[in-house]
Amino acid sequence: MAGRFMDEMPGMRFGHAGTIVEGKDDTTADKIERMRAAGIAVAERIEEIPALIKERILATRGH
């Protein structure tokens, strides 16, 4: 999730993470927690994305 650093900058929002929480009292961290609770894979770092994608593809194929 890009824009995590924006939680450190009250009143400012950036990118999709900020757009979706705009006007609400929650933070990017709150959004990430809701996504994880819904079963959505969220990478901590960009270099983790290929492994997460591979894991999800293999899971859908029953591996």
N, C-alpha and C. Protein backbone atom coordinates (compact mmCIF):
# COMPACT_ATOMS: atom_id res chain seq x y z
N MET A 1 0.85 -1.16 0.00
CA MET A 1 0.00 0.00 0.00
C MET A 1 0.89 1.23 0.00
N ALA A 2 0.87 1.94 -1.07
CA ALA A 2 1.65 3.18 -1.15
C ALA A 2 1.00 4.24 -0.27
N GLY A 3 1.77 5.17 0.20
CA GLY A 3 1.23 6.28 0.97
C GLY A 3 1.16 6.05 2.46
N ARG A 4 1.75 4.98 2.97
CA ARG A 4 1.70 4.71 4.41
C ARG A 4 2.30 5.86 5.21
N PHE A 5 3.32 6.49 4.68
CA PHE A 5 3.98 7.58 5.39
C PHE A 5 3.04 8.74 5.64
N MET A 6 1.94 8.81 4.90
CA MET A 6 1.02 9.93 5.05
C MET A 6 0.31 9.93 6.40
N ASP A 7 0.26 8.79 7.07
CA ASP A 7 -0.33 8.76 8.41
C ASP A 7 0.46 9.66 9.36
N GLU A 8 1.72 9.92 9.01
CA GLU A 8 2.58 10.77 9.82
C GLU A 8 2.37 12.26 9.50
N MET A 9 1.53 12.55 8.51
CA MET A 9 1.32 13.93 8.08
C MET A 9 -0.17 14.27 8.16
N PRO A 10 -0.67 14.59 9.36
CA PRO A 10 -2.10 14.86 9.54
C PRO A 10 -2.62 15.92 8.57
N GLY A 11 -3.81 15.69 8.07
CA GLY A 11 -4.45 16.64 7.18
C GLY A 11 -4.08 16.51 5.72
N MET A 12 -3.10 15.66 5.41
CA MET A 12 -2.69 15.47 4.02
C MET A 12 -2.99 14.05 3.59
N ARG A 13 -3.39 13.89 2.35
CA ARG A 13 -3.65 12.57 1.79
C ARG A 13 -2.91 12.45 0.48
N PHE A 14 -2.55 11.22 0.12
CA PHE A 14 -1.74 11.00 -1.06
C PHE A 14 -2.16 9.71 -1.73
N GLY A 15 -2.32 9.73 -3.04
CA GLY A 15 -2.58 8.51 -3.81
C GLY A 15 -3.89 7.83 -3.45
N HIS A 16 -4.02 6.57 -3.88
CA HIS A 16 -5.25 5.83 -3.66
C HIS A 16 -5.52 5.60 -2.18
N ALA A 17 -4.49 5.35 -1.40
CA ALA A 17 -4.67 5.11 0.03
C ALA A 17 -5.34 6.31 0.68
N GLY A 18 -4.89 7.49 0.35
CA GLY A 18 -5.46 8.69 0.93
C GLY A 18 -6.82 9.01 0.36
N THR A 19 -6.99 8.80 -0.91
CA THR A 19 -8.26 9.11 -1.56
C THR A 19 -9.40 8.32 -0.94
N ILE A 20 -9.17 7.06 -0.69
CA ILE A 20 -10.24 6.21 -0.18
C ILE A 20 -10.58 6.54 1.27
N VAL A 21 -9.63 6.99 2.07
CA VAL A 21 -9.93 7.32 3.46
C VAL A 21 -10.24 8.81 3.64
N GLU A 22 -10.17 9.58 2.59
CA GLU A 22 -10.43 11.01 2.65
C GLU A 22 -11.78 11.27 3.31
N GLY A 23 -11.80 12.19 4.23
CA GLY A 23 -13.05 12.57 4.87
C GLY A 23 -13.48 11.63 5.99
N LYS A 24 -12.69 10.64 6.30
CA LYS A 24 -13.01 9.70 7.37
C LYS A 24 -11.97 9.86 8.46
N ASP A 25 -12.28 9.32 9.63
CA ASP A 25 -11.35 9.40 10.75
C ASP A 25 -10.30 8.30 10.73
N ASP A 26 -10.42 7.34 9.81
CA ASP A 26 -9.46 6.25 9.79
C ASP A 26 -8.19 6.63 9.04
N THR A 27 -7.21 5.76 9.13
CA THR A 27 -5.90 6.03 8.54
C THR A 27 -5.59 4.98 7.47
N THR A 28 -4.48 5.17 6.81
CA THR A 28 -4.02 4.17 5.86
C THR A 28 -3.82 2.83 6.57
N ALA A 29 -3.28 2.87 7.78
CA ALA A 29 -3.08 1.64 8.56
C ALA A 29 -4.42 0.95 8.84
N ASP A 30 -5.47 1.74 9.12
CA ASP A 30 -6.80 1.16 9.34
C ASP A 30 -7.30 0.47 8.08
N LYS A 31 -7.08 1.10 6.94
CA LYS A 31 -7.51 0.52 5.67
C LYS A 31 -6.77 -0.80 5.41
N ILE A 32 -5.47 -0.81 5.67
CA ILE A 32 -4.68 -2.03 5.48
C ILE A 32 -5.21 -3.15 6.36
N GLU A 33 -5.53 -2.84 7.60
CA GLU A 33 -6.06 -3.85 8.52
C GLU A 33 -7.38 -4.42 8.00
N ARG A 34 -8.25 -3.55 7.49
CA ARG A 34 -9.53 -4.03 6.93
C ARG A 34 -9.29 -4.91 5.71
N MET A 35 -8.32 -4.55 4.88
CA MET A 35 -8.02 -5.35 3.70
C MET A 35 -7.51 -6.73 4.11
N ARG A 36 -6.60 -6.77 5.08
CA ARG A 36 -6.08 -8.06 5.55
C ARG A 36 -7.19 -8.90 6.17
N ALA A 37 -8.06 -8.27 6.94
CA ALA A 37 -9.18 -8.99 7.56
C ALA A 37 -10.10 -9.60 6.50
N ALA A 38 -10.15 -8.97 5.33
CA ALA A 38 -10.99 -9.46 4.24
C ALA A 38 -10.26 -10.51 3.39
N GLY A 39 -9.02 -10.83 3.76
CA GLY A 39 -8.27 -11.85 3.03
C GLY A 39 -7.45 -11.33 1.87
N ILE A 40 -7.26 -10.03 1.81
CA ILE A 40 -6.48 -9.42 0.74
C ILE A 40 -5.02 -9.38 1.16
N ALA A 41 -4.14 -9.84 0.28
CA ALA A 41 -2.70 -9.81 0.56
C ALA A 41 -2.19 -8.38 0.41
N VAL A 42 -1.47 -7.92 1.41
CA VAL A 42 -0.90 -6.58 1.38
C VAL A 42 0.60 -6.69 1.62
N ALA A 43 1.38 -6.23 0.68
CA ALA A 43 2.84 -6.28 0.80
C ALA A 43 3.33 -5.17 1.72
N GLU A 44 4.28 -5.51 2.56
CA GLU A 44 4.93 -4.50 3.40
C GLU A 44 5.92 -3.68 2.57
N ARG A 45 6.55 -4.34 1.59
CA ARG A 45 7.54 -3.69 0.74
C ARG A 45 7.26 -4.09 -0.71
N ILE A 46 7.58 -3.21 -1.63
CA ILE A 46 7.27 -3.43 -3.04
C ILE A 46 7.90 -4.70 -3.58
N GLU A 47 9.09 -5.06 -3.08
CA GLU A 47 9.75 -6.26 -3.59
C GLU A 47 9.05 -7.55 -3.16
N GLU A 48 8.10 -7.48 -2.26
CA GLU A 48 7.33 -8.65 -1.84
C GLU A 48 6.19 -8.98 -2.81
N ILE A 49 5.85 -8.05 -3.67
CA ILE A 49 4.69 -8.22 -4.55
C ILE A 49 4.79 -9.45 -5.45
N PRO A 50 5.91 -9.71 -6.14
CA PRO A 50 5.96 -10.91 -6.99
C PRO A 50 5.68 -12.20 -6.22
N ALA A 51 6.24 -12.33 -5.02
CA ALA A 51 6.00 -13.55 -4.22
C ALA A 51 4.54 -13.66 -3.80
N LEU A 52 3.92 -12.54 -3.45
CA LEU A 52 2.50 -12.57 -3.09
C LEU A 52 1.63 -12.99 -4.27
N ILE A 53 1.96 -12.47 -5.45
CA ILE A 53 1.20 -12.84 -6.65
C ILE A 53 1.37 -14.33 -6.94
N LYS A 54 2.60 -14.80 -6.89
CA LYS A 54 2.86 -16.23 -7.13
C LYS A 54 2.08 -17.09 -6.13
N GLU A 55 2.12 -16.71 -4.86
CA GLU A 55 1.41 -17.45 -3.81
C GLU A 55 -0.09 -17.52 -4.11
N ARG A 56 -0.67 -16.40 -4.51
CA ARG A 56 -2.11 -16.37 -4.81
C ARG A 56 -2.44 -17.20 -6.04
N ILE A 57 -1.61 -17.14 -7.06
CA ILE A 57 -1.84 -17.94 -8.27
C ILE A 57 -1.80 -19.42 -7.93
N LEU A 58 -0.78 -19.84 -7.19
CA LEU A 58 -0.67 -21.25 -6.80
C LEU A 58 -1.85 -21.68 -5.93
N ALA A 59 -2.31 -20.81 -5.06
CA ALA A 59 -3.45 -21.14 -4.20
C ALA A 59 -4.72 -21.35 -5.01
N THR A 60 -4.90 -20.57 -6.07
CA THR A 60 -6.11 -20.73 -6.88
C THR A 60 -6.05 -22.00 -7.72
N ARG A 61 -4.84 -22.50 -7.95
CA ARG A 61 -4.67 -23.74 -8.71
C ARG A 61 -4.66 -24.97 -7.81
N GLY A 62 -4.79 -24.74 -6.50
CA GLY A 62 -4.82 -25.85 -5.56
C GLY A 62 -3.47 -26.41 -5.19
N HIS A 63 -2.41 -25.65 -5.35
CA HIS A 63 -1.05 -26.11 -5.01
C HIS A 63 -0.67 -25.67 -3.62
